[in-house]
C-alpha cells in the first residue's frame, strides 16, 4: 500500500471541505489544543507556515486570534483545497507542494503548524519533512502539530510502521500510516527539535452538550495527540527535554 498521492487528495477535496469546518474533533479537541499551545504566537508580527493547510481552516483560526493574514502561508498538495482556501483568505499566500520539499529559504518562519497531516506520510517521507520544517523555522521558533494518536485505535495494534485503510468521517477510505509514537517523537528530536509540551488531547466538556454521541465516541479512547516543539537558539539540546504532558 502506497502513500496517498496528490490526485487522491484532489478526489476527496469536496467531501472534506463540506465536513471540516463543523467537525466535532476540530471544535472540541483540535482547535482548543492549538489555543492552549500557541497563545504567545497570537500577534500580528508572527510569520506562520501551515504545512498541509487544506482548505485553510487552521489559517482562518490563527487570523481570528490576531495573526496578520499577510504573514501566513499555506502549502498543500491539493489544488482544489488551495483554490478554496485562497478564496476565503485572499491576503494570505499559498503554494502547491509537500512538506518534504518546502520551497522557502532557511529560517523563514516563527511558527510552523500542521494539522492531521503526518499520519499520511511513511517514516522516510516524514523524516525528510521534519528536516525541511526544521530548516525553514527560525531559531527560537516552534512547530506545533496535532495528529491521530497512533496508539489509540485497537485495530492499529501490532500494525506499526505500515499503511492501513481507514474510513474517514467524510465518507472516503484512505491509507493511514501507523507510526510508533516513540519513533514519531524520536524523529523530531533527532532532527534537533526540543519537545516543550504535548501528549494525548482531551475532549472539551462542552462537546457533551453539543453532540453526546460524538462526545462518547471520542472520549472512549485517546484519538488525538498534540505537541509543541522548539528550535533552540544555540542549536544545543539540554541534557533532558522539558516535558509537560497532558
Protein backbone atom coordinates (compact mmCIF):
# COMPACT_ATOMS: atom_id res chain seq x y z
CA UNK A 1 0.00 0.00 0.00
CA UNK A 2 1.49 3.34 -1.05
CA UNK A 3 1.46 6.85 0.36
CA UNK A 4 -1.52 8.99 -0.74
CA UNK A 5 -0.93 10.92 -3.97
CA UNK A 6 -1.89 14.49 -4.84
CA UNK A 7 -4.64 13.03 -7.02
CA UNK A 8 -6.12 11.22 -4.03
CA UNK A 9 -6.23 14.49 -2.08
CA UNK A 10 -7.90 16.22 -5.03
CA UNK A 11 -10.53 13.48 -5.30
CA UNK A 12 -11.67 13.85 -1.71
CA UNK A 13 -11.43 17.66 -1.51
CA UNK A 14 -15.13 18.46 -1.87
CA UNK A 15 -16.17 15.86 0.74
CA UNK A 16 -13.53 17.01 3.20
CA UNK A 17 -14.34 20.72 2.80
CA UNK A 18 -18.03 20.08 3.44
CA UNK A 19 -17.13 18.23 6.63
CA UNK A 20 -14.16 20.12 8.06
CA UNK A 21 -15.40 23.43 9.48
CA UNK A 22 -18.10 21.92 11.69
CA UNK A 23 -16.37 18.69 12.65
CA UNK A 24 -16.67 17.64 16.27
CA UNK A 25 -12.97 16.89 16.70
CA UNK A 26 -11.96 20.30 15.31
CA UNK A 27 -14.32 22.20 17.60
CA UNK A 28 -13.82 20.27 20.82
CA UNK A 29 -10.34 18.69 20.60
CA UNK A 30 -8.04 20.16 17.97
CA UNK A 31 -8.81 23.88 17.89
CA UNK A 32 -8.71 24.16 21.72
CA UNK A 33 -5.33 22.39 21.73
CA UNK A 34 -3.80 24.92 19.34
CA UNK A 35 -5.11 27.69 21.60
CA UNK A 36 -3.52 26.01 24.59
CA UNK A 37 -0.12 25.59 22.94
CA UNK A 38 0.20 28.81 20.94
CA UNK A 39 -1.11 31.93 22.76
CA UNK A 40 2.33 33.60 22.72
CA UNK A 41 2.29 33.47 18.89
CA UNK A 42 -1.11 35.16 18.55
CA UNK A 43 0.07 38.55 17.32
CA UNK A 44 0.35 40.42 14.02
CA UNK A 45 4.10 40.03 13.59
CA UNK A 46 4.25 36.21 13.75
CA UNK A 47 5.24 34.63 10.44
CA UNK A 48 3.46 31.30 10.04
CA UNK A 49 3.65 28.36 7.65
CA UNK A 50 0.71 25.94 7.69
CA UNK A 51 2.06 22.62 6.42
CA UNK A 52 -0.82 20.76 4.78
CA UNK A 53 -3.19 23.70 5.04
CA UNK A 54 -6.11 22.03 3.26
CA UNK A 55 -8.96 24.49 2.85
CA UNK A 56 -7.42 27.00 5.27
CA UNK A 57 -9.39 26.07 8.38
CA UNK A 58 -6.46 26.48 10.79
CA UNK A 59 -5.19 29.58 8.99
CA UNK A 60 -8.56 31.29 9.47
CA UNK A 61 -8.47 30.44 13.15
CA UNK A 62 -4.99 31.87 13.61
CA UNK A 63 -6.08 35.07 11.90
CA UNK A 64 -9.09 35.29 14.23
CA UNK A 65 -6.61 35.13 17.12
CA UNK A 66 -4.56 38.08 15.91
CA UNK A 67 -2.06 36.77 13.36
CA UNK A 68 -1.89 39.03 10.31
CA UNK A 69 -3.21 37.28 7.16
CA UNK A 70 -0.28 38.67 5.18
CA UNK A 71 2.09 36.79 7.46
CA UNK A 72 0.59 33.35 6.91
CA UNK A 73 1.47 31.00 4.07
CA UNK A 74 -0.26 27.68 3.45
CA UNK A 75 1.19 24.77 1.49
CA UNK A 76 -0.77 21.72 0.35
CA UNK A 77 -0.57 19.15 -2.47
CA UNK A 78 -4.26 19.55 -3.44
CA UNK A 79 -5.09 22.26 -5.95
CA UNK A 80 -8.86 22.21 -5.17
CA UNK A 81 -8.08 22.73 -1.49
CA UNK A 82 -5.81 25.65 -2.29
CA UNK A 83 -8.38 27.26 -4.58
CA UNK A 84 -10.94 27.10 -1.79
CA UNK A 85 -8.50 28.50 0.78
CA UNK A 86 -7.39 31.33 -1.49
CA UNK A 87 -11.00 32.46 -1.98
CA UNK A 88 -11.50 32.65 1.77
CA UNK A 89 -8.08 34.17 2.51
CA UNK A 90 -7.12 36.43 -0.40
CA UNK A 91 -4.48 38.29 1.65
CA UNK A 92 -2.54 35.16 2.58
CA UNK A 93 -0.02 33.28 0.47
CA UNK A 94 -0.34 29.75 -0.87
CA UNK A 95 1.96 27.21 -2.51
CA UNK A 96 1.16 23.85 -4.02
CA UNK A 97 3.66 21.40 -2.65
CA UNK A 98 4.59 18.98 0.10
CA UNK A 99 6.24 19.08 3.50
CA UNK A 100 9.28 17.13 2.35
CA UNK A 101 10.18 19.75 -0.28
CA UNK A 102 9.34 23.16 1.18
CA UNK A 103 10.15 25.93 -1.34
CA UNK A 104 11.21 28.52 1.26
CA UNK A 105 14.57 29.93 2.41
CA UNK A 106 16.17 28.82 5.65
CA UNK A 107 14.76 30.34 8.85
CA UNK A 108 11.76 32.00 7.18
CA UNK A 109 9.07 31.41 9.82
CA UNK A 110 8.49 31.97 13.53
CA UNK A 111 5.87 29.24 13.72
CA UNK A 112 5.06 26.09 11.76
CA UNK A 113 1.70 24.40 12.26
CA UNK A 114 0.44 21.11 10.89
CA UNK A 115 -2.99 19.63 11.43
CA UNK A 116 -3.77 15.96 10.74
CA UNK A 117 -1.02 15.54 8.15
CA UNK A 118 1.79 13.33 9.45
CA UNK A 119 -0.28 10.13 9.51
CA UNK A 120 -0.39 10.40 5.71
CA UNK A 121 3.42 10.02 5.44
CA UNK A 122 5.53 6.92 5.78
CA UNK A 123 8.57 7.03 8.07
CA UNK A 124 11.06 8.00 5.36
CA UNK A 125 8.86 10.78 3.99
CA UNK A 126 8.22 12.12 7.48
CA UNK A 127 11.95 12.21 8.18
CA UNK A 128 12.53 14.33 5.07
CA UNK A 129 9.62 16.56 6.03
CA UNK A 130 11.00 17.03 9.54
CA UNK A 131 14.37 18.08 8.17
CA UNK A 132 12.70 20.61 5.88
CA UNK A 133 10.49 22.02 8.61
CA UNK A 134 13.47 22.44 10.90
CA UNK A 135 15.36 24.19 8.11
CA UNK A 136 12.70 26.83 7.38
CA UNK A 137 11.94 27.54 11.06
CA UNK A 138 13.76 30.40 12.75
CA UNK A 139 15.93 29.70 15.78
CA UNK A 140 13.74 30.16 18.82
CA UNK A 141 10.64 29.32 16.78
CA UNK A 142 8.18 26.49 17.29
CA UNK A 143 6.50 23.67 15.41
CA UNK A 144 3.03 22.73 16.65
CA UNK A 145 1.20 19.72 15.26
CA UNK A 146 -1.93 17.73 16.00
CA UNK A 147 -2.50 14.29 14.57
CA UNK A 148 -4.13 10.92 15.01
CA UNK A 149 -2.92 9.08 18.09
CA UNK A 150 -1.08 6.03 16.72
CA UNK A 151 -1.69 4.05 19.92
CA UNK A 152 -5.41 4.90 20.03
CA UNK A 153 -7.40 2.61 17.71
CA UNK A 154 -7.44 -1.02 18.82
CA UNK A 155 -7.39 -2.19 15.20
CA UNK A 156 -3.99 -0.49 14.74
CA UNK A 157 -2.28 -2.55 17.43
CA UNK A 158 0.56 -4.64 16.04
CA UNK A 159 0.42 -2.72 12.73
CA UNK A 160 3.13 -0.18 13.45
CA UNK A 161 5.24 1.09 10.56
CA UNK A 162 2.77 0.19 7.81
CA UNK A 163 -0.23 1.59 5.99
CA UNK A 164 -3.76 0.57 6.91
CA UNK A 165 -7.01 1.60 5.25
CA UNK A 166 -9.33 3.81 7.28
CA UNK A 167 -12.81 5.18 6.63
CA UNK A 168 -12.80 8.94 7.18
CA UNK A 169 -15.67 10.84 8.86
CA UNK A 170 -16.43 12.43 5.47
CA UNK A 171 -17.00 9.03 3.88
CA UNK A 172 -13.78 8.40 1.96
CA UNK A 173 -11.48 5.43 2.60
CA UNK A 174 -7.82 6.49 2.76
CA UNK A 175 -4.46 4.89 3.58
CA UNK A 176 -3.10 5.87 7.02
CA UNK A 177 0.47 5.16 8.10
CA UNK A 178 0.68 3.81 11.66
CA UNK A 179 3.71 5.40 13.28
CA UNK A 180 5.09 4.14 16.55
CA UNK A 181 4.61 7.05 18.95
CA UNK A 182 8.13 6.59 20.27
CA UNK A 183 9.63 6.61 16.77
CA UNK A 184 7.47 9.55 15.78
CA UNK A 185 8.81 11.68 18.63
CA UNK A 186 12.36 10.43 18.22
CA UNK A 187 12.21 11.53 14.58
CA UNK A 188 11.66 15.15 15.65
CA UNK A 189 14.18 15.01 18.48
CA UNK A 190 16.83 13.55 16.16
CA UNK A 191 16.36 16.48 13.79
CA UNK A 192 17.05 18.91 16.64
CA UNK A 193 13.63 19.85 17.98
CA UNK A 194 13.12 20.16 21.72
CA UNK A 195 9.78 18.81 22.87
CA UNK A 196 8.28 21.57 25.00
CA UNK A 197 4.73 20.41 25.64
CA UNK A 198 2.43 17.69 24.42
CA UNK A 199 0.65 14.40 24.77
CA UNK A 200 -2.81 12.99 24.27
CA UNK A 201 -5.57 15.57 23.87
CA UNK A 202 -8.75 15.74 25.97
CA UNK A 203 -12.26 16.39 24.69
CA UNK A 204 -13.80 19.61 25.97
CA UNK A 205 -16.72 19.03 28.32
CA UNK A 206 -18.86 21.36 26.19
CA UNK A 207 -18.81 18.69 23.49
CA UNK A 208 -21.11 16.50 25.56
CA UNK A 209 -23.91 19.05 25.23
CA UNK A 210 -23.20 19.73 21.56
CA UNK A 211 -23.20 16.09 20.43
CA UNK A 212 -23.48 13.37 23.10
CA UNK A 213 -22.82 10.54 20.65
CA UNK A 214 -19.63 12.08 19.27
CA UNK A 215 -18.51 13.04 22.75
CA UNK A 216 -18.91 9.45 23.89
CA UNK A 217 -17.03 8.14 20.86
CA UNK A 218 -14.07 10.50 21.18
CA UNK A 219 -13.95 10.22 24.99
CA UNK A 220 -13.78 6.43 24.95
CA UNK A 221 -10.10 6.48 23.97
CA UNK A 222 -7.28 8.84 23.13
CA UNK A 223 -7.89 9.72 19.49
CA UNK A 224 -5.55 12.72 19.09
CA UNK A 225 -2.06 13.79 20.09
CA UNK A 226 -0.65 17.30 20.02
CA UNK A 227 2.85 18.66 20.54
CA UNK A 228 4.69 21.94 20.53
CA UNK A 229 8.38 21.65 19.72
CA UNK A 230 11.01 24.37 19.78
CA UNK A 231 14.05 25.02 17.63
CA UNK A 232 16.72 26.00 20.11
CA UNK A 233 18.55 29.27 19.54
CA UNK A 234 22.00 27.83 20.17
CA UNK A 235 21.32 24.51 18.45
CA UNK A 236 22.25 22.51 21.54
CA UNK A 237 19.58 20.49 23.29
CA UNK A 238 19.73 20.28 27.09
CA UNK A 239 20.54 17.01 28.78
CA UNK A 240 16.81 16.37 29.24
CA UNK A 241 13.88 17.66 27.28
CA UNK A 242 11.25 19.72 29.05
CA UNK A 243 8.06 17.61 29.13
CA UNK A 244 4.69 18.91 30.17
CA UNK A 245 2.46 16.03 29.17
CA UNK A 246 -1.33 16.25 29.09
